[in-house]
Amino acid sequence: MSRFVAAERWQQCLEAAREFLATWGDKAAALGWTEADLFGLHEPPEQPHPSYSRLSRYDCTGLLWNLGGRRVVALSSDTAAVATSSGALTYRMPVQLPGTK
């Protein structure tokens, strides 16, 4: 488990990773999705606030942390369609600003 990530979220990401990689791993690699795009987490500051969470920075958080138990139903080079109870939502890969990757 990682510091600054709740155990439940860590486990949820592991389960999401197993399913995603089995179904979409080859396609994601072919489309250019990186480890950071899928598994990325914010780098903790040297002295984080007691309430700090590595998941608090959406722009640094990979797709698999954001699935919340849902599954990917379509994938492109910069988006993932995620199944929801009301249809699907689109996850767009965060834009990486120069010097932030």
PDB file of N, CA and C in Angstrom:
ATOM      1  N   MET A   1       0.847  -1.185   0.000  1.00  0.00           N
ATOM      2  CA  MET A   1       0.000   0.000   0.000  1.00  0.00           C
ATOM      3  C   MET A   1       0.887   1.241   0.000  1.00  0.00           C
ATOM      4  N   SER A   2       0.409   2.266  -0.618  1.00  0.00           N
ATOM      5  CA  SER A   2       1.149   3.521  -0.720  1.00  0.00           C
ATOM      6  C   SER A   2       0.746   4.484   0.399  1.00  0.00           C
ATOM      7  N   ARG A   3       1.694   5.299   0.803  1.00  0.00           N
ATOM      8  CA  ARG A   3       1.359   6.356   1.755  1.00  0.00           C
ATOM      9  C   ARG A   3       0.381   7.323   1.102  1.00  0.00           C
ATOM     10  N   PHE A   4      -0.534   7.834   1.871  1.00  0.00           N
ATOM     11  CA  PHE A   4      -1.487   8.858   1.448  1.00  0.00           C
ATOM     12  C   PHE A   4      -2.551   8.350   0.471  1.00  0.00           C
ATOM     13  N   VAL A   5      -2.804   7.039   0.463  1.00  0.00           N
ATOM     14  CA  VAL A   5      -3.920   6.456  -0.293  1.00  0.00           C
ATOM     15  C   VAL A   5      -4.605   5.471   0.646  1.00  0.00           C
ATOM     16  N   ALA A   6      -5.907   5.633   0.818  1.00  0.00           N
ATOM     17  CA  ALA A   6      -6.666   4.736   1.699  1.00  0.00           C
ATOM     18  C   ALA A   6      -6.576   3.295   1.187  1.00  0.00           C
ATOM     19  N   ALA A   7      -6.517   2.348   2.121  1.00  0.00           N
ATOM     20  CA  ALA A   7      -6.384   0.937   1.768  1.00  0.00           C
ATOM     21  C   ALA A   7      -7.495   0.468   0.833  1.00  0.00           C
ATOM     22  N   GLU A   8      -8.718   0.949   1.063  1.00  0.00           N
ATOM     23  CA  GLU A   8      -9.844   0.537   0.202  1.00  0.00           C
ATOM     24  C   GLU A   8      -9.631   0.990  -1.237  1.00  0.00           C
ATOM     25  N   ARG A   9      -9.141   2.216  -1.411  1.00  0.00           N
ATOM     26  CA  ARG A   9      -8.893   2.737  -2.765  1.00  0.00           C
ATOM     27  C   ARG A   9      -7.746   1.990  -3.431  1.00  0.00           C
ATOM     28  N   TRP A  10      -6.730   1.624  -2.654  1.00  0.00           N
ATOM     29  CA  TRP A  10      -5.604   0.870  -3.191  1.00  0.00           C
ATOM     30  C   TRP A  10      -6.116  -0.480  -3.713  1.00  0.00           C
ATOM     31  N   GLN A  11      -6.924  -1.162  -2.916  1.00  0.00           N
ATOM     32  CA  GLN A  11      -7.475  -2.455  -3.318  1.00  0.00           C
ATOM     33  C   GLN A  11      -8.375  -2.307  -4.544  1.00  0.00           C
ATOM     34  N   GLN A  12      -9.195  -1.270  -4.555  1.00  0.00           N
ATOM     35  CA  GLN A  12     -10.085  -1.023  -5.686  1.00  0.00           C
ATOM     36  C   GLN A  12      -9.282  -0.814  -6.971  1.00  0.00           C
ATOM     37  N   CYS A  13      -8.155  -0.094  -6.869  1.00  0.00           N
ATOM     38  CA  CYS A  13      -7.310   0.130  -8.042  1.00  0.00           C
ATOM     39  C   CYS A  13      -6.674  -1.177  -8.518  1.00  0.00           C
ATOM     40  N   LEU A  14      -6.248  -2.028  -7.589  1.00  0.00           N
ATOM     41  CA  LEU A  14      -5.674  -3.321  -7.970  1.00  0.00           C
ATOM     42  C   LEU A  14      -6.689  -4.164  -8.744  1.00  0.00           C
ATOM     43  N   GLU A  15      -7.928  -4.179  -8.263  1.00  0.00           N
ATOM     44  CA  GLU A  15      -8.981  -4.937  -8.948  1.00  0.00           C
ATOM     45  C   GLU A  15      -9.260  -4.340 -10.324  1.00  0.00           C
ATOM     46  N   ALA A  16      -9.310  -3.011 -10.410  1.00  0.00           N
ATOM     47  CA  ALA A  16      -9.534  -2.336 -11.690  1.00  0.00           C
ATOM     48  C   ALA A  16      -8.396  -2.644 -12.655  1.00  0.00           C
ATOM     49  N   ALA A  17      -7.170  -2.663 -12.141  1.00  0.00           N
ATOM     50  CA  ALA A  17      -6.005  -2.941 -12.985  1.00  0.00           C
ATOM     51  C   ALA A  17      -6.065  -4.349 -13.566  1.00  0.00           C
ATOM     52  N   ARG A  18      -6.420  -5.320 -12.745  1.00  0.00           N
ATOM     53  CA  ARG A  18      -6.527  -6.707 -13.237  1.00  0.00           C
ATOM     54  C   ARG A  18      -7.518  -6.800 -14.393  1.00  0.00           C
ATOM     55  N   GLU A  19      -8.701  -6.228 -14.194  1.00  0.00           N
ATOM     56  CA  GLU A  19      -9.735  -6.298 -15.232  1.00  0.00           C
ATOM     57  C   GLU A  19      -9.331  -5.499 -16.465  1.00  0.00           C
ATOM     58  N   PHE A  20      -8.858  -4.270 -16.258  1.00  0.00           N
ATOM     59  CA  PHE A  20      -8.497  -3.416 -17.387  1.00  0.00           C
ATOM     60  C   PHE A  20      -7.373  -4.040 -18.212  1.00  0.00           C
ATOM     61  N   LEU A  21      -6.316  -4.493 -17.563  1.00  0.00           N
ATOM     62  CA  LEU A  21      -5.180  -5.037 -18.304  1.00  0.00           C
ATOM     63  C   LEU A  21      -5.551  -6.310 -19.056  1.00  0.00           C
ATOM     64  N   ALA A  22      -6.408  -7.142 -18.480  1.00  0.00           N
ATOM     65  CA  ALA A  22      -6.842  -8.358 -19.170  1.00  0.00           C
ATOM     66  C   ALA A  22      -7.657  -8.032 -20.413  1.00  0.00           C
ATOM     67  N   THR A  23      -8.467  -6.986 -20.333  1.00  0.00           N
ATOM     68  CA  THR A  23      -9.356  -6.634 -21.433  1.00  0.00           C
ATOM     69  C   THR A  23      -8.742  -5.625 -22.397  1.00  0.00           C
ATOM     70  N   TRP A  24      -8.077  -4.617 -21.873  1.00  0.00           N
ATOM     71  CA  TRP A  24      -7.628  -3.475 -22.669  1.00  0.00           C
ATOM     72  C   TRP A  24      -6.118  -3.272 -22.720  1.00  0.00           C
ATOM     73  N   GLY A  25      -5.353  -4.079 -22.014  1.00  0.00           N
ATOM     74  CA  GLY A  25      -3.913  -3.854 -21.899  1.00  0.00           C
ATOM     75  C   GLY A  25      -3.189  -3.701 -23.220  1.00  0.00           C
ATOM     76  N   ASP A  26      -3.395  -4.637 -24.149  1.00  0.00           N
ATOM     77  CA  ASP A  26      -2.708  -4.570 -25.444  1.00  0.00           C
ATOM     78  C   ASP A  26      -3.144  -3.352 -26.241  1.00  0.00           C
ATOM     79  N   LYS A  27      -4.452  -3.076 -26.245  1.00  0.00           N
ATOM     80  CA  LYS A  27      -4.942  -1.919 -26.997  1.00  0.00           C
ATOM     81  C   LYS A  27      -4.437  -0.621 -26.384  1.00  0.00           C
ATOM     82  N   ALA A  28      -4.432  -0.526 -25.066  1.00  0.00           N
ATOM     83  CA  ALA A  28      -3.936   0.685 -24.398  1.00  0.00           C
ATOM     84  C   ALA A  28      -2.477   0.935 -24.764  1.00  0.00           C
ATOM     85  N   ALA A  29      -1.669  -0.109 -24.752  1.00  0.00           N
ATOM     86  CA  ALA A  29      -0.257   0.029 -25.114  1.00  0.00           C
ATOM     87  C   ALA A  29      -0.124   0.478 -26.576  1.00  0.00           C
ATOM     88  N   ALA A  30      -0.907  -0.123 -27.459  1.00  0.00           N
ATOM     89  CA  ALA A  30      -0.850   0.244 -28.880  1.00  0.00           C
ATOM     90  C   ALA A  30      -1.300   1.684 -29.113  1.00  0.00           C
ATOM     91  N   LEU A  31      -2.214   2.176 -28.279  1.00  0.00           N
ATOM     92  CA  LEU A  31      -2.706   3.548 -28.411  1.00  0.00           C
ATOM     93  C   LEU A  31      -1.807   4.567 -27.717  1.00  0.00           C
ATOM     94  N   GLY A  32      -0.789   4.093 -27.014  1.00  0.00           N
ATOM     95  CA  GLY A  32       0.160   5.006 -26.386  1.00  0.00           C
ATOM     96  C   GLY A  32      -0.112   5.366 -24.939  1.00  0.00           C
ATOM     97  N   TRP A  33      -1.040   4.675 -24.284  1.00  0.00           N
ATOM     98  CA  TRP A  33      -1.282   4.934 -22.858  1.00  0.00           C
ATOM     99  C   TRP A  33      -0.041   4.493 -22.081  1.00  0.00           C
ATOM    100  N   THR A  34       0.426   5.335 -21.180  1.00  0.00           N
ATOM    101  CA  THR A  34       1.615   5.039 -20.394  1.00  0.00           C
ATOM    102  C   THR A  34       1.236   4.532 -19.007  1.00  0.00           C
ATOM    103  N   GLU A  35       2.234   4.062 -18.274  1.00  0.00           N
ATOM    104  CA  GLU A  35       1.992   3.650 -16.890  1.00  0.00           C
ATOM    105  C   GLU A  35       1.412   4.808 -16.083  1.00  0.00           C
ATOM    106  N   ALA A  36       1.946   6.009 -16.288  1.00  0.00           N
ATOM    107  CA  ALA A  36       1.440   7.183 -15.560  1.00  0.00           C
ATOM    108  C   ALA A  36      -0.005   7.483 -15.943  1.00  0.00           C
ATOM    109  N   ASP A  37      -0.361   7.307 -17.219  1.00  0.00           N
ATOM    110  CA  ASP A  37      -1.733   7.549 -17.657  1.00  0.00           C
ATOM    111  C   ASP A  37      -2.713   6.602 -16.970  1.00  0.00           C
ATOM    112  N   LEU A  38      -2.262   5.407 -16.667  1.00  0.00           N
ATOM    113  CA  LEU A  38      -3.128   4.407 -16.042  1.00  0.00           C
ATOM    114  C   LEU A  38      -3.019   4.373 -14.519  1.00  0.00           C
ATOM    115  N   PHE A  39      -1.806   4.455 -13.994  1.00  0.00           N
ATOM    116  CA  PHE A  39      -1.561   4.250 -12.571  1.00  0.00           C
ATOM    117  C   PHE A  39      -1.077   5.488 -11.835  1.00  0.00           C
ATOM    118  N   GLY A  40      -0.905   6.600 -12.526  1.00  0.00           N
ATOM    119  CA  GLY A  40      -0.269   7.783 -11.962  1.00  0.00           C
ATOM    120  C   GLY A  40      -0.901   8.299 -10.682  1.00  0.00           C
ATOM    121  N   LEU A  41      -0.050   8.823  -9.824  1.00  0.00           N
ATOM    122  CA  LEU A  41      -0.468   9.459  -8.576  1.00  0.00           C
ATOM    123  C   LEU A  41       0.376  10.706  -8.364  1.00  0.00           C
ATOM    124  N   HIS A  42      -0.202  11.677  -7.693  1.00  0.00           N
ATOM    125  CA  HIS A  42       0.513  12.906  -7.378  1.00  0.00           C
ATOM    126  C   HIS A  42       1.702  12.593  -6.477  1.00  0.00           C
ATOM    127  N   GLU A  43       2.828  13.221  -6.753  1.00  0.00           N
ATOM    128  CA  GLU A  43       4.016  13.069  -5.900  1.00  0.00           C
ATOM    129  C   GLU A  43       3.790  13.868  -4.617  1.00  0.00           C
ATOM    130  N   PRO A  44       3.870  13.223  -3.466  1.00  0.00           N
ATOM    131  CA  PRO A  44       3.604  13.939  -2.210  1.00  0.00           C
ATOM    132  C   PRO A  44       4.604  15.069  -1.972  1.00  0.00           C
ATOM    133  N   PRO A  45       4.137  16.172  -1.410  1.00  0.00           N
ATOM    134  CA  PRO A  45       5.064  17.240  -1.037  1.00  0.00           C
ATOM    135  C   PRO A  45       5.960  16.762   0.118  1.00  0.00           C
ATOM    136  N   GLU A  46       7.041  17.479   0.348  1.00  0.00           N
ATOM    137  CA  GLU A  46       7.959  17.091   1.414  1.00  0.00           C
ATOM    138  C   GLU A  46       7.279  17.049   2.777  1.00  0.00           C
ATOM    139  N   GLN A  47       6.421  18.019   3.040  1.00  0.00           N
ATOM    140  CA  GLN A  47       5.708  18.056   4.317  1.00  0.00           C
ATOM    141  C   GLN A  47       4.209  18.203   4.044  1.00  0.00           C
ATOM    142  N   PRO A  48       3.550  17.095   3.714  1.00  0.00           N
ATOM    143  CA  PRO A  48       2.129  17.178   3.381  1.00  0.00           C
ATOM    144  C   PRO A  48       1.267  17.552   4.584  1.00  0.00           C
ATOM    145  N   HIS A  49       0.177  18.220   4.300  1.00  0.00           N
ATOM    146  CA  HIS A  49      -0.818  18.538   5.316  1.00  0.00           C
ATOM    147  C   HIS A  49      -1.415  17.222   5.820  1.00  0.00           C
ATOM    148  N   PRO A  50      -1.851  17.146   7.063  1.00  0.00           N
ATOM    149  CA  PRO A  50      -2.427  15.903   7.588  1.00  0.00           C
ATOM    150  C   PRO A  50      -3.600  15.365   6.756  1.00  0.00           C
ATOM    151  N   SER A  51      -4.314  16.218   6.053  1.00  0.00           N
ATOM    152  CA  SER A  51      -5.448  15.761   5.251  1.00  0.00           C
ATOM    153  C   SER A  51      -5.056  15.429   3.799  1.00  0.00           C
ATOM    154  N   TYR A  52      -3.786  15.513   3.481  1.00  0.00           N
ATOM    155  CA  TYR A  52      -3.330  15.285   2.102  1.00  0.00           C
ATOM    156  C   TYR A  52      -3.669  13.879   1.614  1.00  0.00           C
ATOM    157  N   SER A  53      -4.080  13.792   0.367  1.00  0.00           N
ATOM    158  CA  SER A  53      -4.325  12.519  -0.307  1.00  0.00           C
ATOM    159  C   SER A  53      -3.685  12.578  -1.683  1.00  0.00           C
ATOM    160  N   ARG A  54      -3.011  11.517  -2.072  1.00  0.00           N
ATOM    161  CA  ARG A  54      -2.393  11.475  -3.400  1.00  0.00           C
ATOM    162  C   ARG A  54      -3.448  11.468  -4.507  1.00  0.00           C
ATOM    163  N   LEU A  55      -4.690  11.187  -4.166  1.00  0.00           N
ATOM    164  CA  LEU A  55      -5.778  11.167  -5.143  1.00  0.00           C
ATOM    165  C   LEU A  55      -6.464  12.517  -5.281  1.00  0.00           C
ATOM    166  N   SER A  56      -6.001  13.508  -4.542  1.00  0.00           N
ATOM    167  CA  SER A  56      -6.656  14.813  -4.569  1.00  0.00           C
ATOM    168  C   SER A  56      -6.338  15.627  -5.812  1.00  0.00           C
ATOM    169  N   ARG A  57      -5.305  15.265  -6.545  1.00  0.00           N
ATOM    170  CA  ARG A  57      -4.920  15.996  -7.746  1.00  0.00           C
ATOM    171  C   ARG A  57      -5.331  15.196  -8.978  1.00  0.00           C
ATOM    172  N   TYR A  58      -6.529  15.497  -9.503  1.00  0.00           N
ATOM    173  CA  TYR A  58      -7.061  14.788 -10.664  1.00  0.00           C
ATOM    174  C   TYR A  58      -6.105  14.851 -11.845  1.00  0.00           C
ATOM    175  N   ASP A  59      -5.406  15.968 -12.005  1.00  0.00           N
ATOM    176  CA  ASP A  59      -4.514  16.134 -13.145  1.00  0.00           C
ATOM    177  C   ASP A  59      -3.284  15.233 -13.070  1.00  0.00           C
ATOM    178  N   CYS A  60      -3.063  14.581 -11.949  1.00  0.00           N
ATOM    179  CA  CYS A  60      -1.923  13.682 -11.777  1.00  0.00           C
ATOM    180  C   CYS A  60      -2.369  12.243 -11.511  1.00  0.00           C
ATOM    181  N   THR A  61      -3.659  11.993 -11.566  1.00  0.00           N
ATOM    182  CA  THR A  61      -4.211  10.692 -11.199  1.00  0.00           C
ATOM    183  C   THR A  61      -4.567   9.889 -12.442  1.00  0.00           C
ATOM    184  N   GLY A  62      -4.028   8.682 -12.536  1.00  0.00           N
ATOM    185  CA  GLY A  62      -4.278   7.823 -13.687  1.00  0.00           C
ATOM    186  C   GLY A  62      -5.696   7.286 -13.741  1.00  0.00           C
ATOM    187  N   LEU A  63      -6.055   6.817 -14.916  1.00  0.00           N
ATOM    188  CA  LEU A  63      -7.400   6.299 -15.191  1.00  0.00           C
ATOM    189  C   LEU A  63      -7.867   5.275 -14.161  1.00  0.00           C
ATOM    190  N   LEU A  64      -7.028   4.305 -13.826  1.00  0.00           N
ATOM    191  CA  LEU A  64      -7.478   3.199 -12.990  1.00  0.00           C
ATOM    192  C   LEU A  64      -7.903   3.636 -11.597  1.00  0.00           C
ATOM    193  N   TRP A  65      -7.319   4.720 -11.086  1.00  0.00           N
ATOM    194  CA  TRP A  65      -7.736   5.248  -9.785  1.00  0.00           C
ATOM    195  C   TRP A  65      -9.113   5.889  -9.860  1.00  0.00           C
ATOM    196  N   ASN A  66      -9.541   6.286 -11.045  1.00  0.00           N
ATOM    197  CA  ASN A  66     -10.799   7.015 -11.211  1.00  0.00           C
ATOM    198  C   ASN A  66     -11.978   6.137 -11.617  1.00  0.00           C
ATOM    199  N   LEU A  67     -11.770   4.854 -11.778  1.00  0.00           N
ATOM    200  CA  LEU A  67     -12.862   3.992 -12.229  1.00  0.00           C
ATOM    201  C   LEU A  67     -13.918   3.758 -11.157  1.00  0.00           C
ATOM    202  N   GLY A  68     -13.545   3.745  -9.899  1.00  0.00           N
ATOM    203  CA  GLY A  68     -14.531   3.593  -8.830  1.00  0.00           C
ATOM    204  C   GLY A  68     -15.403   2.365  -8.962  1.00  0.00           C
ATOM    205  N   GLY A  69     -14.825   1.249  -9.396  1.00  0.00           N
ATOM    206  CA  GLY A  69     -15.587   0.016  -9.538  1.00  0.00           C
ATOM    207  C   GLY A  69     -16.296  -0.117 -10.879  1.00  0.00           C
ATOM    208  N   ARG A  70     -16.239   0.917 -11.702  1.00  0.00           N
ATOM    209  CA  ARG A  70     -16.855   0.849 -13.031  1.00  0.00           C
ATOM    210  C   ARG A  70     -15.860   0.241 -14.016  1.00  0.00           C
ATOM    211  N   ARG A  71     -16.327  -0.099 -15.214  1.00  0.00           N
ATOM    212  CA  ARG A  71     -15.431  -0.705 -16.199  1.00  0.00           C
ATOM    213  C   ARG A  71     -15.358   0.128 -17.471  1.00  0.00           C
ATOM    214  N   VAL A  72     -14.238   0.027 -18.128  1.00  0.00           N
ATOM    215  CA  VAL A  72     -14.024   0.718 -19.399  1.00  0.00           C
ATOM    216  C   VAL A  72     -14.752  -0.069 -20.486  1.00  0.00           C
ATOM    217  N   VAL A  73     -15.477   0.650 -21.361  1.00  0.00           N
ATOM    218  CA  VAL A  73     -16.207  -0.002 -22.449  1.00  0.00           C
ATOM    219  C   VAL A  73     -15.691   0.406 -23.819  1.00  0.00           C
ATOM    220  N   ALA A  74     -14.866   1.444 -23.896  1.00  0.00           N
ATOM    221  CA  ALA A  74     -14.246   1.861 -25.157  1.00  0.00           C
ATOM    222  C   ALA A  74     -13.001   2.661 -24.822  1.00  0.00           C
ATOM    223  N   LEU A  75     -12.018   2.631 -25.743  1.00  0.00           N
ATOM    224  CA  LEU A  75     -10.744   3.290 -25.491  1.00  0.00           C
ATOM    225  C   LEU A  75     -10.223   3.907 -26.778  1.00  0.00           C
ATOM    226  N   SER A  76      -9.727   5.145 -26.674  1.00  0.00           N
ATOM    227  CA  SER A  76      -9.051   5.786 -27.800  1.00  0.00           C
ATOM    228  C   SER A  76      -7.678   6.231 -27.302  1.00  0.00           C
ATOM    229  N   SER A  77      -6.957   6.987 -28.110  1.00  0.00           N
ATOM    230  CA  SER A  77      -5.610   7.388 -27.707  1.00  0.00           C
ATOM    231  C   SER A  77      -5.589   8.362 -26.531  1.00  0.00           C
ATOM    232  N   ASP A  78      -6.709   9.049 -26.261  1.00  0.00           N
ATOM    233  CA  ASP A  78      -6.703   9.995 -25.138  1.00  0.00           C
ATOM    234  C   ASP A  78      -7.979  10.003 -24.314  1.00  0.00           C
ATOM    235  N   THR A  79      -8.883   9.064 -24.566  1.00  0.00           N
ATOM    236  CA  THR A  79     -10.109   8.980 -23.773  1.00  0.00           C
ATOM    237  C   THR A  79     -10.465   7.526 -23.481  1.00  0.00           C
ATOM    238  N   ALA A  80     -11.242   7.361 -22.425  1.00  0.00           N
ATOM    239  CA  ALA A  80     -11.810   6.056 -22.091  1.00  0.00           C
ATOM    240  C   ALA A  80     -13.281   6.277 -21.778  1.00  0.00           C
ATOM    241  N   ALA A  81     -14.142   5.478 -22.390  1.00  0.00           N
ATOM    242  CA  ALA A  81     -15.560   5.507 -22.054  1.00  0.00           C
ATOM    243  C   ALA A  81     -15.762   4.520 -20.911  1.00  0.00           C
ATOM    244  N   VAL A  82     -16.383   5.002 -19.837  1.00  0.00           N
ATOM    245  CA  VAL A  82     -16.556   4.211 -18.626  1.00  0.00           C
ATOM    246  C   VAL A  82     -18.041   3.971 -18.391  1.00  0.00           C
ATOM    247  N   ALA A  83     -18.429   2.719 -18.214  1.00  0.00           N
ATOM    248  CA  ALA A  83     -19.830   2.367 -18.001  1.00  0.00           C
ATOM    249  C   ALA A  83     -20.314   2.911 -16.666  1.00  0.00           C
ATOM    250  N   THR A  84     -21.518   3.499 -16.683  1.00  0.00           N
ATOM    251  CA  THR A  84     -22.172   3.960 -15.460  1.00  0.00           C
ATOM    252  C   THR A  84     -23.598   3.427 -15.476  1.00  0.00           C
ATOM    253  N   SER A  85     -24.298   3.573 -14.389  1.00  0.00           N
ATOM    254  CA  SER A  85     -25.676   3.083 -14.330  1.00  0.00           C
ATOM    255  C   SER A  85     -26.588   3.851 -15.274  1.00  0.00           C
ATOM    256  N   SER A  86     -26.204   5.076 -15.646  1.00  0.00           N
ATOM    257  CA  SER A  86     -27.036   5.877 -16.547  1.00  0.00           C
ATOM    258  C   SER A  86     -26.496   5.904 -17.973  1.00  0.00           C
ATOM    259  N   GLY A  87     -25.531   5.060 -18.286  1.00  0.00           N
ATOM    260  CA  GLY A  87     -24.970   5.023 -19.636  1.00  0.00           C
ATOM    261  C   GLY A  87     -23.463   4.927 -19.585  1.00  0.00           C
ATOM    262  N   ALA A  88     -22.777   5.973 -20.019  1.00  0.00           N
ATOM    263  CA  ALA A  88     -21.317   5.980 -19.982  1.00  0.00           C
ATOM    264  C   ALA A  88     -20.834   7.401 -19.769  1.00  0.00           C
ATOM    265  N   LEU A  89     -19.693   7.522 -19.129  1.00  0.00           N
ATOM    266  CA  LEU A  89     -19.060   8.821 -19.012  1.00  0.00           C
ATOM    267  C   LEU A  89     -17.704   8.722 -19.687  1.00  0.00           C
ATOM    268  N   THR A  90     -17.152   9.843 -20.070  1.00  0.00           N
ATOM    269  CA  THR A  90     -15.872   9.843 -20.753  1.00  0.00           C
ATOM    270  C   THR A  90     -14.801  10.368 -19.835  1.00  0.00           C
ATOM    271  N   TYR A  91     -13.746   9.591 -19.698  1.00  0.00           N
ATOM    272  CA  TYR A  91     -12.554  10.016 -18.967  1.00  0.00           C
ATOM    273  C   TYR A  91     -11.588  10.530 -20.019  1.00  0.00           C
ATOM    274  N   ARG A  92     -11.146  11.749 -19.883  1.00  0.00           N
ATOM    275  CA  ARG A  92     -10.159  12.301 -20.800  1.00  0.00           C
ATOM    276  C   ARG A  92      -8.836  12.363 -20.084  1.00  0.00           C
ATOM    277  N   MET A  93      -7.811  11.824 -20.745  1.00  0.00           N
ATOM    278  CA  MET A  93      -6.482  11.832 -20.172  1.00  0.00           C
ATOM    279  C   MET A  93      -6.109  13.267 -19.802  1.00  0.00           C
ATOM    280  N   PRO A  94      -5.644  13.493 -18.578  1.00  0.00           N
ATOM    281  CA  PRO A  94      -5.262  14.860 -18.204  1.00  0.00           C
ATOM    282  C   PRO A  94      -4.161  15.405 -19.117  1.00  0.00           C
ATOM    283  N   VAL A  95      -4.254  16.664 -19.433  1.00  0.00           N
ATOM    284  CA  VAL A  95      -3.235  17.320 -20.246  1.00  0.00           C
ATOM    285  C   VAL A  95      -1.990  17.497 -19.392  1.00  0.00           C
ATOM    286  N   GLN A  96      -0.869  17.045 -19.885  1.00  0.00           N
ATOM    287  CA  GLN A  96       0.380  17.200 -19.149  1.00  0.00           C
ATOM    288  C   GLN A  96       1.024  18.525 -19.544  1.00  0.00           C
ATOM    289  N   LEU A  97       1.171  19.390 -18.580  1.00  0.00           N
ATOM    290  CA  LEU A  97       1.818  20.668 -18.822  1.00  0.00           C
ATOM    291  C   LEU A  97       3.310  20.458 -18.918  1.00  0.00           C
ATOM    292  N   PRO A  98       4.015  21.290 -19.682  1.00  0.00           N
ATOM    293  CA  PRO A  98       5.471  21.133 -19.793  1.00  0.00           C
ATOM    294  C   PRO A  98       6.117  21.117 -18.411  1.00  0.00           C
ATOM    295  N   GLY A  99       7.000  20.164 -18.214  1.00  0.00           N
ATOM    296  CA  GLY A  99       7.720  20.061 -16.953  1.00  0.00           C
ATOM    297  C   GLY A  99       6.978  19.349 -15.842  1.00  0.00           C
ATOM    298  N   THR A 100       5.779  18.782 -16.125  1.00  0.00           N
ATOM    299  CA  THR A 100       5.020  18.124 -15.068  1.00  0.00           C
ATOM    300  C   THR A 100       5.022  16.609 -15.208  1.00  0.00           C
ATOM    301  N   LYS A 101       5.575  16.067 -16.266  1.00  0.00           N
ATOM    302  CA  LYS A 101       5.536  14.626 -16.459  1.00  0.00           C
ATOM    303  C   LYS A 101       6.748  13.945 -15.930  1.00  0.00           C
TER     304      LYS A 101
END
